[in-house]
Amino acid sequence: MLLFRSEEEAARWCQERERPVGGIVSLPQLQRLGGLWYGDRLRPDWKPRTVVESQAILDQVGLTSEFWRLA
């Protein structure tokens, strides 16, 4: 994970290194994603989620581009 001040800065960094721009996540999205993704891990009844459940979490926080599509 790399942190940038803006999407433009991320794009410039990738262009300078001839790398594709991957998924870009804002800090509020990242915080929300972390809470949803890991918030239940200490519950005694925790079980791994399905791909469909995982995709629903990504969609819920607005990570909907092709980059975030799970197989």
N, C-alpha and C. Protein backbone atom coordinates (compact mmCIF):
# COMPACT_ATOMS: atom_id res chain seq x y z
N MET A 1 0.83 -1.17 0.00
CA MET A 1 0.00 0.00 0.00
C MET A 1 0.88 1.23 0.00
N LEU A 2 0.53 2.15 -0.86
CA LEU A 2 1.22 3.43 -0.92
C LEU A 2 0.23 4.53 -0.61
N LEU A 3 0.68 5.55 0.07
CA LEU A 3 -0.18 6.69 0.40
C LEU A 3 0.21 7.89 -0.45
N PHE A 4 -0.81 8.55 -1.02
CA PHE A 4 -0.61 9.74 -1.83
C PHE A 4 -1.59 10.81 -1.39
N ARG A 5 -1.27 12.05 -1.69
CA ARG A 5 -2.14 13.17 -1.34
C ARG A 5 -3.35 13.29 -2.27
N SER A 6 -3.22 12.76 -3.48
CA SER A 6 -4.32 12.88 -4.45
C SER A 6 -4.21 11.76 -5.48
N GLU A 7 -5.29 11.58 -6.23
CA GLU A 7 -5.27 10.59 -7.31
C GLU A 7 -4.28 11.02 -8.40
N GLU A 8 -4.16 12.32 -8.60
CA GLU A 8 -3.21 12.83 -9.61
C GLU A 8 -1.78 12.47 -9.22
N GLU A 9 -1.47 12.61 -7.94
CA GLU A 9 -0.12 12.26 -7.47
C GLU A 9 0.14 10.76 -7.66
N ALA A 10 -0.85 9.95 -7.38
CA ALA A 10 -0.71 8.50 -7.58
C ALA A 10 -0.49 8.18 -9.05
N ALA A 11 -1.26 8.82 -9.93
CA ALA A 11 -1.12 8.59 -11.36
C ALA A 11 0.26 9.01 -11.85
N ARG A 12 0.74 10.15 -11.36
CA ARG A 12 2.08 10.62 -11.75
C ARG A 12 3.15 9.63 -11.30
N TRP A 13 3.04 9.14 -10.06
CA TRP A 13 4.00 8.18 -9.53
C TRP A 13 4.02 6.92 -10.40
N CYS A 14 2.84 6.44 -10.75
CA CYS A 14 2.75 5.23 -11.59
C CYS A 14 3.32 5.48 -12.98
N GLN A 15 3.02 6.63 -13.55
CA GLN A 15 3.51 6.95 -14.89
C GLN A 15 5.04 7.02 -14.91
N GLU A 16 5.62 7.65 -13.91
CA GLU A 16 7.08 7.77 -13.83
C GLU A 16 7.76 6.41 -13.74
N ARG A 17 7.07 5.43 -13.19
CA ARG A 17 7.64 4.09 -13.00
C ARG A 17 7.09 3.07 -13.99
N GLU A 18 6.30 3.57 -14.94
CA GLU A 18 5.68 2.73 -15.96
C GLU A 18 4.91 1.58 -15.32
N ARG A 19 4.09 1.94 -14.33
CA ARG A 19 3.26 0.97 -13.61
C ARG A 19 1.79 1.35 -13.83
N PRO A 20 0.91 0.36 -13.88
CA PRO A 20 -0.51 0.70 -13.99
C PRO A 20 -1.04 1.24 -12.67
N VAL A 21 -2.02 2.11 -12.75
CA VAL A 21 -2.67 2.60 -11.54
C VAL A 21 -3.60 1.50 -11.05
N GLY A 22 -3.45 1.11 -9.82
CA GLY A 22 -4.30 0.06 -9.25
C GLY A 22 -5.54 0.65 -8.61
N GLY A 23 -5.99 0.03 -7.55
CA GLY A 23 -7.16 0.52 -6.84
C GLY A 23 -6.79 1.69 -5.95
N ILE A 24 -7.58 2.73 -6.01
CA ILE A 24 -7.34 3.90 -5.17
C ILE A 24 -8.45 3.97 -4.14
N VAL A 25 -8.05 4.11 -2.89
CA VAL A 25 -8.99 4.12 -1.77
C VAL A 25 -8.76 5.38 -0.95
N SER A 26 -9.82 6.08 -0.63
CA SER A 26 -9.68 7.25 0.24
C SER A 26 -9.50 6.78 1.69
N LEU A 27 -8.98 7.64 2.53
CA LEU A 27 -8.81 7.26 3.94
C LEU A 27 -10.14 6.94 4.61
N PRO A 28 -11.21 7.72 4.39
CA PRO A 28 -12.49 7.33 4.98
C PRO A 28 -12.99 5.96 4.50
N GLN A 29 -12.79 5.66 3.21
CA GLN A 29 -13.17 4.35 2.69
C GLN A 29 -12.34 3.26 3.37
N LEU A 30 -11.05 3.50 3.51
CA LEU A 30 -10.17 2.51 4.12
C LEU A 30 -10.57 2.23 5.57
N GLN A 31 -10.93 3.28 6.29
CA GLN A 31 -11.36 3.11 7.68
C GLN A 31 -12.66 2.30 7.74
N ARG A 32 -13.59 2.63 6.88
CA ARG A 32 -14.85 1.89 6.86
C ARG A 32 -14.64 0.44 6.43
N LEU A 33 -13.80 0.23 5.43
CA LEU A 33 -13.49 -1.12 4.97
C LEU A 33 -12.88 -1.95 6.09
N GLY A 34 -11.92 -1.37 6.81
CA GLY A 34 -11.28 -2.09 7.90
C GLY A 34 -12.27 -2.51 8.97
N GLY A 35 -13.19 -1.61 9.32
CA GLY A 35 -14.19 -1.94 10.32
C GLY A 35 -15.11 -3.06 9.89
N LEU A 36 -15.55 -3.00 8.63
CA LEU A 36 -16.45 -4.04 8.12
C LEU A 36 -15.72 -5.36 7.90
N TRP A 37 -14.49 -5.29 7.43
CA TRP A 37 -13.74 -6.50 7.08
C TRP A 37 -13.27 -7.26 8.32
N TYR A 38 -12.80 -6.51 9.32
CA TYR A 38 -12.21 -7.15 10.50
C TYR A 38 -13.03 -7.00 11.78
N GLY A 39 -14.13 -6.26 11.75
CA GLY A 39 -14.89 -5.95 12.95
C GLY A 39 -15.46 -7.13 13.69
N ASP A 40 -15.65 -8.25 13.02
CA ASP A 40 -16.26 -9.42 13.67
C ASP A 40 -15.26 -10.54 13.97
N ARG A 41 -13.99 -10.31 13.74
CA ARG A 41 -13.00 -11.38 13.84
C ARG A 41 -12.82 -11.96 15.24
N LEU A 42 -13.13 -11.20 16.27
CA LEU A 42 -12.94 -11.72 17.63
C LEU A 42 -14.19 -12.35 18.20
N ARG A 43 -15.26 -12.38 17.44
CA ARG A 43 -16.49 -13.00 17.92
C ARG A 43 -16.32 -14.51 17.98
N PRO A 44 -16.83 -15.16 19.01
CA PRO A 44 -16.69 -16.63 19.13
C PRO A 44 -17.34 -17.38 17.97
N ASP A 45 -18.36 -16.80 17.35
CA ASP A 45 -19.05 -17.48 16.25
C ASP A 45 -18.52 -17.07 14.87
N TRP A 46 -17.35 -16.41 14.84
CA TRP A 46 -16.80 -15.96 13.57
C TRP A 46 -16.53 -17.14 12.65
N LYS A 47 -16.83 -16.94 11.39
CA LYS A 47 -16.47 -17.92 10.35
C LYS A 47 -16.05 -17.15 9.11
N PRO A 48 -15.17 -17.74 8.31
CA PRO A 48 -14.76 -17.03 7.09
C PRO A 48 -15.96 -16.70 6.22
N ARG A 49 -15.92 -15.54 5.59
CA ARG A 49 -17.04 -15.14 4.74
C ARG A 49 -16.85 -15.71 3.33
N THR A 50 -17.94 -15.79 2.63
CA THR A 50 -17.90 -16.26 1.25
C THR A 50 -17.40 -15.14 0.33
N VAL A 51 -17.11 -15.50 -0.89
CA VAL A 51 -16.70 -14.49 -1.88
C VAL A 51 -17.83 -13.49 -2.09
N VAL A 52 -19.05 -13.96 -2.13
CA VAL A 52 -20.20 -13.07 -2.31
C VAL A 52 -20.30 -12.09 -1.15
N GLU A 53 -20.13 -12.55 0.07
CA GLU A 53 -20.17 -11.68 1.25
C GLU A 53 -19.02 -10.67 1.22
N SER A 54 -17.85 -11.13 0.82
CA SER A 54 -16.68 -10.24 0.73
C SER A 54 -16.91 -9.17 -0.33
N GLN A 55 -17.46 -9.56 -1.48
CA GLN A 55 -17.75 -8.61 -2.54
C GLN A 55 -18.76 -7.58 -2.07
N ALA A 56 -19.74 -8.00 -1.29
CA ALA A 56 -20.75 -7.08 -0.77
C ALA A 56 -20.11 -6.01 0.11
N ILE A 57 -19.11 -6.37 0.88
CA ILE A 57 -18.41 -5.39 1.72
C ILE A 57 -17.68 -4.38 0.84
N LEU A 58 -16.97 -4.85 -0.16
CA LEU A 58 -16.26 -3.93 -1.06
C LEU A 58 -17.26 -2.99 -1.74
N ASP A 59 -18.37 -3.54 -2.18
CA ASP A 59 -19.39 -2.71 -2.83
C ASP A 59 -19.96 -1.69 -1.85
N GLN A 60 -20.18 -2.10 -0.61
CA GLN A 60 -20.77 -1.23 0.39
C GLN A 60 -19.94 0.02 0.66
N VAL A 61 -18.61 -0.13 0.57
CA VAL A 61 -17.75 1.04 0.82
C VAL A 61 -17.42 1.79 -0.47
N GLY A 62 -18.03 1.38 -1.58
CA GLY A 62 -17.86 2.10 -2.83
C GLY A 62 -16.70 1.64 -3.69
N LEU A 63 -16.14 0.49 -3.38
CA LEU A 63 -15.05 -0.05 -4.19
C LEU A 63 -15.66 -0.96 -5.25
N THR A 64 -16.09 -0.36 -6.34
CA THR A 64 -16.91 -1.06 -7.32
C THR A 64 -16.29 -1.19 -8.70
N SER A 65 -15.09 -0.64 -8.89
CA SER A 65 -14.47 -0.73 -10.22
C SER A 65 -14.02 -2.18 -10.47
N GLU A 66 -13.65 -2.44 -11.70
CA GLU A 66 -13.21 -3.79 -12.08
C GLU A 66 -12.05 -4.27 -11.21
N PHE A 67 -11.19 -3.35 -10.78
CA PHE A 67 -10.06 -3.72 -9.94
C PHE A 67 -10.51 -4.46 -8.68
N TRP A 68 -11.67 -4.10 -8.15
CA TRP A 68 -12.16 -4.65 -6.88
C TRP A 68 -13.07 -5.85 -7.06
N ARG A 69 -13.24 -6.36 -8.28
CA ARG A 69 -14.08 -7.53 -8.51
C ARG A 69 -13.33 -8.77 -8.06
N LEU A 70 -13.94 -9.54 -7.18
CA LEU A 70 -13.34 -10.79 -6.71
C LEU A 70 -13.72 -11.91 -7.66
N ALA A 71 -12.83 -12.86 -7.81
CA ALA A 71 -13.08 -13.98 -8.74
C ALA A 71 -14.13 -14.93 -8.19
